[in-house]
Protein backbone atom coordinates (compact mmCIF):
# COMPACT_ATOMS: atom_id res chain seq x y z
CA UNK A 1 -134.60 -32.14 8.36
CA UNK A 2 -131.52 -30.62 9.82
CA UNK A 3 -128.15 -30.91 8.12
CA UNK A 4 -124.69 -30.47 9.52
CA UNK A 5 -123.20 -27.14 8.71
CA UNK A 6 -119.73 -28.66 8.33
CA UNK A 7 -120.21 -32.01 6.63
CA UNK A 8 -123.83 -31.67 5.27
CA UNK A 9 -125.07 -34.93 6.81
CA UNK A 10 -128.82 -35.17 7.66
CA UNK A 11 -129.45 -35.11 11.34
CA UNK A 12 -132.53 -36.27 13.34
CA UNK A 13 -134.20 -33.79 15.61
CA UNK A 14 -131.99 -33.13 18.65
CA UNK A 15 -129.02 -35.02 17.12
CA UNK A 16 -125.52 -33.44 17.01
CA UNK A 17 -122.91 -34.15 14.34
CA UNK A 18 -119.56 -35.40 15.45
CA UNK A 19 -117.57 -34.51 12.35
CA UNK A 20 -115.58 -31.78 14.12
CA UNK A 21 -114.45 -34.11 16.91
CA UNK A 22 -113.15 -36.73 14.47
CA UNK A 23 -111.27 -34.17 12.50
CA UNK A 24 -109.61 -32.84 15.68
CA UNK A 25 -108.64 -36.31 16.82
CA UNK A 26 -107.22 -37.12 13.40
CA UNK A 27 -105.20 -33.96 13.35
CA UNK A 28 -104.02 -34.48 16.92
CA UNK A 29 -102.90 -38.01 16.09
CA UNK A 30 -100.94 -36.73 13.13
CA UNK A 31 -99.29 -34.14 15.28
CA UNK A 32 -98.36 -36.72 17.91
CA UNK A 33 -96.92 -39.03 15.26
CA UNK A 34 -94.76 -36.29 13.73
CA UNK A 35 -93.58 -35.22 17.18
CA UNK A 36 -92.60 -38.75 18.02
CA UNK A 37 -90.79 -39.12 14.73
CA UNK A 38 -88.87 -35.90 15.31
CA UNK A 39 -88.05 -36.99 18.84
CA UNK A 40 -86.75 -40.35 17.66
CA UNK A 41 -84.65 -38.81 14.91
CA UNK A 42 -83.14 -36.25 17.26
CA UNK A 43 -82.39 -38.96 19.77
CA UNK A 44 -80.71 -41.08 17.12
CA UNK A 45 -78.66 -38.08 15.95
CA UNK A 46 -77.67 -37.20 19.48
CA UNK A 47 -76.78 -40.79 20.23
CA UNK A 48 -74.65 -41.05 17.09
CA UNK A 49 -72.86 -37.81 17.92
CA UNK A 50 -72.33 -38.99 21.47
CA UNK A 51 -70.84 -42.22 20.17
CA UNK A 52 -68.58 -40.30 17.81
CA UNK A 53 -67.41 -37.96 20.60
CA UNK A 54 -66.86 -40.86 22.94
CA UNK A 55 -64.83 -42.71 20.33
CA UNK A 56 -62.76 -39.59 19.56
CA UNK A 57 -62.24 -38.87 23.22
CA UNK A 58 -61.12 -42.39 23.77
CA UNK A 59 -58.61 -42.16 20.86
CA UNK A 60 -57.06 -38.68 21.68
CA UNK A 61 -55.46 -39.49 25.05
CA UNK A 62 -53.33 -42.27 23.55
CA UNK A 63 -52.16 -40.05 20.74
CA UNK A 64 -51.41 -37.22 23.12
CA UNK A 65 -49.52 -39.53 25.43
CA UNK A 66 -47.35 -40.81 22.60
CA UNK A 67 -46.59 -37.26 21.42
CA UNK A 68 -45.65 -36.17 24.93
CA UNK A 69 -43.39 -39.15 25.37
CA UNK A 70 -41.66 -38.44 22.04
CA UNK A 71 -41.16 -34.77 23.01
CA UNK A 72 -39.72 -35.78 26.38
CA UNK A 73 -37.34 -38.22 24.70
CA UNK A 74 -36.13 -35.50 22.30
CA UNK A 75 -35.55 -33.07 25.18
CA UNK A 76 -33.57 -35.68 27.07
CA UNK A 77 -31.44 -36.39 24.00
CA UNK A 78 -30.75 -32.67 23.51
CA UNK A 79 -29.75 -32.24 27.16
CA UNK A 80 -27.42 -35.22 26.96
CA UNK A 81 -25.81 -33.84 23.78
CA UNK A 82 -25.29 -30.44 25.40
CA UNK A 83 -23.68 -32.03 28.46
CA UNK A 84 -21.25 -34.01 26.30
CA UNK A 85 -20.34 -30.87 24.32
CA UNK A 86 -19.67 -28.95 27.53
CA UNK A 87 -17.47 -31.73 28.85
CA UNK A 88 -15.51 -31.86 25.59
CA UNK A 89 -14.98 -28.07 25.65
CA UNK A 90 -13.80 -28.17 29.25
CA UNK A 91 -11.34 -30.95 28.50
CA UNK A 92 -10.10 -29.11 25.38
CA UNK A 93 -9.62 -25.88 27.31
CA UNK A 94 -7.71 -27.70 30.02
CA UNK A 95 -5.44 -29.39 27.50
CA UNK A 96 -4.85 -26.21 25.48
CA UNK A 97 -1.97 -24.07 26.77
CA UNK A 98 -2.38 -20.27 26.72
CA UNK A 99 -0.25 -18.59 24.03
CA UNK A 100 1.49 -15.28 24.53
CA UNK A 101 0.66 -12.59 21.97
CA UNK A 102 2.03 -9.07 21.87
CA UNK A 103 -1.43 -7.61 21.20
CA UNK A 104 -2.79 -9.27 24.34
CA UNK A 105 0.15 -7.96 26.34
CA UNK A 106 -0.45 -4.40 25.09
CA UNK A 107 -4.16 -4.67 25.94
CA UNK A 108 -3.37 -5.86 29.46
CA UNK A 109 -0.88 -3.02 29.96
CA UNK A 110 -3.43 -0.46 28.79
CA UNK A 111 -6.09 -1.82 31.12
CA UNK A 112 -3.67 -1.99 34.06
CA UNK A 113 -2.05 1.43 33.53
CA UNK A 114 -4.62 3.63 31.74
CA UNK A 115 -2.88 6.93 32.53
CA UNK A 116 0.47 5.67 31.26
CA UNK A 117 -1.12 4.37 28.06
CA UNK A 118 -2.69 7.76 27.39
CA UNK A 119 0.66 9.44 27.99
CA UNK A 120 2.58 7.09 25.70
CA UNK A 121 -0.08 6.84 22.98
CA UNK A 122 1.32 9.77 20.89
CA UNK A 123 4.81 8.26 21.12
CA UNK A 124 3.67 4.72 20.30
CA UNK A 125 1.92 5.97 17.17
CA UNK A 126 5.40 6.55 15.68
CA UNK A 127 5.98 2.79 16.01
CA UNK A 128 2.59 1.35 14.95
CA UNK A 129 1.78 3.94 12.24
CA UNK A 130 5.03 5.76 11.43
CA UNK A 131 4.32 7.06 7.91
CA UNK A 132 0.75 8.22 8.60
CA UNK A 133 1.86 9.85 11.86
CA UNK A 134 4.67 11.73 10.12
CA UNK A 135 2.46 12.87 7.25
CA UNK A 136 -0.47 13.91 9.47
CA UNK A 137 1.47 16.28 11.70
CA UNK A 138 -0.17 19.61 12.56
CA UNK A 139 0.68 22.58 10.38
CA UNK A 140 1.65 24.65 13.42
CA UNK A 141 4.89 23.39 14.92
CA UNK A 142 4.56 22.74 18.68
CA UNK A 143 7.57 24.42 20.28
CA UNK A 144 7.16 22.57 23.58
CA UNK A 145 7.32 19.23 21.81
CA UNK A 146 10.47 20.26 19.91
CA UNK A 147 12.26 21.37 23.08
CA UNK A 148 11.26 18.36 25.19
CA UNK A 149 12.05 15.71 22.55
CA UNK A 150 15.42 17.15 21.54
CA UNK A 151 16.44 17.69 25.16
CA UNK A 152 15.52 14.09 25.93
CA UNK A 153 17.48 12.96 22.88
CA UNK A 154 20.57 14.92 23.93
CA UNK A 155 20.33 13.64 27.51
CA UNK A 156 19.87 9.97 26.64
CA UNK A 157 22.57 10.02 23.98
CA UNK A 158 25.06 11.69 26.32
CA UNK A 159 24.33 9.16 29.03
CA UNK A 160 24.64 6.33 26.50
CA UNK A 161 28.05 7.59 25.35
CA UNK A 162 29.31 7.92 28.93
CA UNK A 163 27.92 4.55 29.90
CA UNK A 164 29.46 2.73 26.94
CA UNK A 165 32.76 4.52 27.43
CA UNK A 166 33.26 2.76 30.74
CA UNK A 167 32.51 -0.58 29.04
CA UNK A 168 35.42 -0.05 26.61
CA UNK A 169 33.23 -0.16 23.52
CA UNK A 170 35.60 -0.21 20.53
CA UNK A 171 33.23 1.45 18.09
CA UNK A 172 32.22 4.32 20.35
CA UNK A 173 35.82 4.74 21.49
CA UNK A 174 36.85 5.17 17.87
CA UNK A 175 34.11 7.75 17.26
CA UNK A 176 35.04 9.72 20.37
CA UNK A 177 38.73 9.72 19.43
CA UNK A 178 37.89 10.93 15.93
CA UNK A 179 35.66 13.75 17.19
CA UNK A 180 37.46 14.88 20.34
CA UNK A 181 40.98 13.65 19.66
CA UNK A 182 41.30 12.15 23.14
CA UNK A 183 39.16 9.86 25.28
CA UNK A 184 40.28 10.75 28.80
CA UNK A 185 37.78 13.63 28.92
CA UNK A 186 34.83 11.28 29.54
CA UNK A 187 36.61 9.22 32.19
CA UNK A 188 38.31 12.11 34.00
CA UNK A 189 35.44 14.61 33.98
CA UNK A 190 32.18 12.75 33.23
CA UNK A 191 29.83 15.54 34.41
CA UNK A 192 31.54 18.17 32.25
CA UNK A 193 31.64 15.77 29.32
CA UNK A 194 27.90 15.14 29.74
CA UNK A 195 26.98 18.81 29.40
CA UNK A 196 29.46 19.38 26.54
CA UNK A 197 28.09 16.42 24.64
CA UNK A 198 24.48 17.51 25.24
CA UNK A 199 25.29 20.98 23.89
CA UNK A 200 26.95 19.43 20.85
CA UNK A 201 23.90 17.30 20.13
CA UNK A 202 21.57 20.30 20.40
CA UNK A 203 23.90 22.19 18.07
CA UNK A 204 23.79 19.29 15.62
CA UNK A 205 19.98 19.39 15.61
CA UNK A 206 19.99 23.12 14.84
CA UNK A 207 22.63 22.78 12.12
CA UNK A 208 20.74 19.95 10.38
CA UNK A 209 17.53 22.00 10.48
CA UNK A 210 19.38 24.92 8.93
CA UNK A 211 20.71 22.63 6.18
CA UNK A 212 17.17 21.47 5.34
CA UNK A 213 16.01 25.09 5.18
CA UNK A 214 18.82 26.09 2.81
CA UNK A 215 18.65 23.09 0.49
CA UNK A 216 14.87 23.40 0.09
CA UNK A 217 15.56 26.35 -2.22
CA UNK A 218 17.35 23.98 -4.62
CA UNK A 219 14.06 22.15 -5.32
CA UNK A 220 12.11 25.41 -5.75
CA UNK A 221 10.47 25.13 -2.34
CA UNK A 222 10.68 27.21 0.79
CA UNK A 223 10.88 25.29 4.04
CA UNK A 224 10.73 27.30 7.23
CA UNK A 225 13.29 26.72 9.95
CA UNK A 226 10.64 25.63 12.47
CA UNK A 227 9.25 23.08 10.02
CA UNK A 228 12.76 21.76 9.38
CA UNK A 229 13.33 21.62 13.14
CA UNK A 230 10.11 19.62 13.51
CA UNK A 231 11.38 17.20 10.86
CA UNK A 232 14.62 16.67 12.78
CA UNK A 233 12.60 16.25 15.99
CA UNK A 234 10.82 13.24 14.52
CA UNK A 235 14.14 11.52 13.92
CA UNK A 236 15.15 12.43 17.48
CA UNK A 237 12.21 10.35 18.73
CA UNK A 238 13.56 7.27 16.97
CA UNK A 239 17.07 8.02 18.20
CA UNK A 240 15.72 7.97 21.76
CA UNK A 241 14.37 4.49 21.10
CA UNK A 242 17.80 3.48 19.82
CA UNK A 243 19.49 4.87 22.95
CA UNK A 244 17.22 2.77 25.17
CA UNK A 245 17.97 -0.36 23.12
CA UNK A 246 21.69 0.31 23.34
CA UNK A 247 21.44 0.64 27.12
CA UNK A 248 19.63 -2.69 27.30
CA UNK A 249 22.12 -4.37 24.98
CA UNK A 250 25.04 -3.20 27.12
CA UNK A 251 23.29 -4.44 30.25
CA UNK A 252 22.91 -7.83 28.57
CA UNK A 253 26.68 -8.03 28.09
CA UNK A 254 27.42 -6.63 24.60
CA UNK A 255 30.21 -4.11 24.05
CA UNK A 256 29.81 -2.79 20.55
CA UNK A 257 26.17 -1.87 19.75
CA UNK A 258 27.38 -0.92 16.27
CA UNK A 259 24.38 -2.56 14.60
CA UNK A 260 21.87 -0.57 16.67
CA UNK A 261 23.62 2.71 15.91
CA UNK A 262 23.69 1.89 12.21
CA UNK A 263 19.98 0.94 12.20
CA UNK A 264 19.05 4.13 14.05
CA UNK A 265 20.89 6.23 11.46
CA UNK A 266 19.05 4.44 8.65
CA UNK A 267 15.69 5.04 10.35
CA UNK A 268 16.60 8.70 10.81
CA UNK A 269 17.22 9.04 7.06
CA UNK A 270 13.89 7.35 6.25
CA UNK A 271 12.03 9.75 8.58
CA UNK A 272 13.63 12.75 6.92
CA UNK A 273 12.79 11.40 3.46
CA UNK A 274 9.11 10.78 4.25
CA UNK A 275 8.69 14.11 6.02
CA UNK A 276 10.41 16.26 3.39
CA UNK A 277 8.68 14.56 0.45
CA UNK A 278 5.27 15.10 2.04
CA UNK A 279 5.81 18.62 3.41
CA UNK A 280 7.35 20.03 0.23
CA UNK A 281 5.22 17.94 -2.18
CA UNK A 282 8.22 16.96 -4.30
CA UNK A 283 9.17 13.82 -6.18
CA UNK A 284 11.28 11.02 -4.75
CA UNK A 285 14.34 11.96 -6.80
CA UNK A 286 14.19 15.57 -5.63
CA UNK A 287 13.79 14.50 -2.00
CA UNK A 288 16.74 12.11 -2.29
CA UNK A 289 19.02 14.76 -3.84
CA UNK A 290 17.96 17.32 -1.24
CA UNK A 291 18.80 14.93 1.61
CA UNK A 292 22.16 13.98 0.12
CA UNK A 293 23.20 17.63 -0.19
CA UNK A 294 21.85 18.41 3.29
CA UNK A 295 23.84 15.60 4.91
CA UNK A 296 27.06 16.65 3.19
CA UNK A 297 26.53 20.26 4.24
CA UNK A 298 25.72 19.11 7.77
CA UNK A 299 28.94 17.11 8.00
CA UNK A 300 31.05 20.13 7.08
CA UNK A 301 29.20 22.56 9.36
CA UNK A 302 29.04 20.07 12.24
CA UNK A 303 32.76 19.44 12.11
CA UNK A 304 33.39 23.17 12.08
CA UNK A 305 30.99 23.83 14.97
CA UNK A 306 32.27 20.94 17.10
CA UNK A 307 35.88 22.02 16.64
CA UNK A 308 34.99 25.56 17.67
CA UNK A 309 33.10 24.28 20.72
CA UNK A 310 35.99 22.04 21.77
CA UNK A 311 38.51 24.88 21.43
CA UNK A 312 36.30 27.12 23.59
CA UNK A 313 36.06 24.38 26.19
CA UNK A 314 39.84 23.88 26.20
CA UNK A 315 40.48 27.61 26.57
CA UNK A 316 38.08 27.85 29.49
CA UNK A 317 39.87 25.04 31.30
């Protein structure tokens, strides 16, 4: 008897066992079942994901539309607010009247006349920053500056005296009569009087510088004549300003100008005080005493020098 090699069943002669075919069909059926199950599960998963995506896609456009509409509304509100602010500013600027300020005027003058502003900047520093300008002078005295400033001072002052003489100024007439003894010199010979008065003013500058040099020894300091001349030159700058103001005041109809002359003399004393105290490094009391003695000495020497100059002028005529 034959038996099956795989399942051991007895077989008749010429008979074949079919155990291998059944096993293959069983295994193939199992494989088909599992494949179908996997296919169905994957289909269900894909369908669920598709539903989820479709639901999300259907919900996003509404949300996005609402966000875009809100953003557009905010932008419109901002634009409207900016327009109203601009209108308010324009109306406010139209209603507001421009105010004049001296700083704005100076800035406009500098921009319009740049060369003139550069030329006048050293002079204007004596007005805006007087003390710092006086104290920060160079150690070497500029001779050109001394000559130009004092010549300008003598010229302007002489012209101012002649100009106010013809306006019958009582104060200046009294000063001229006290110094010269007569007042017909300026009206009869104005050109000669101009040069005589200019020479007298230059002589006064030199005499005052000499007085500062001599009295500096009283405070145990040594002031050179050029440094003293530079100190007097600073006061000459302020006296030039006073001459210009007196000219303007006379043009506006005043006759006296006593207040301007008095103020210019006070400013001259302040300049001398600041300069001498800084240059000699002395105390305020010492500077005050030095100036007082210098002015008294200057008065005596100036009277002597002016009388000598007048006598020479009379002898020449």
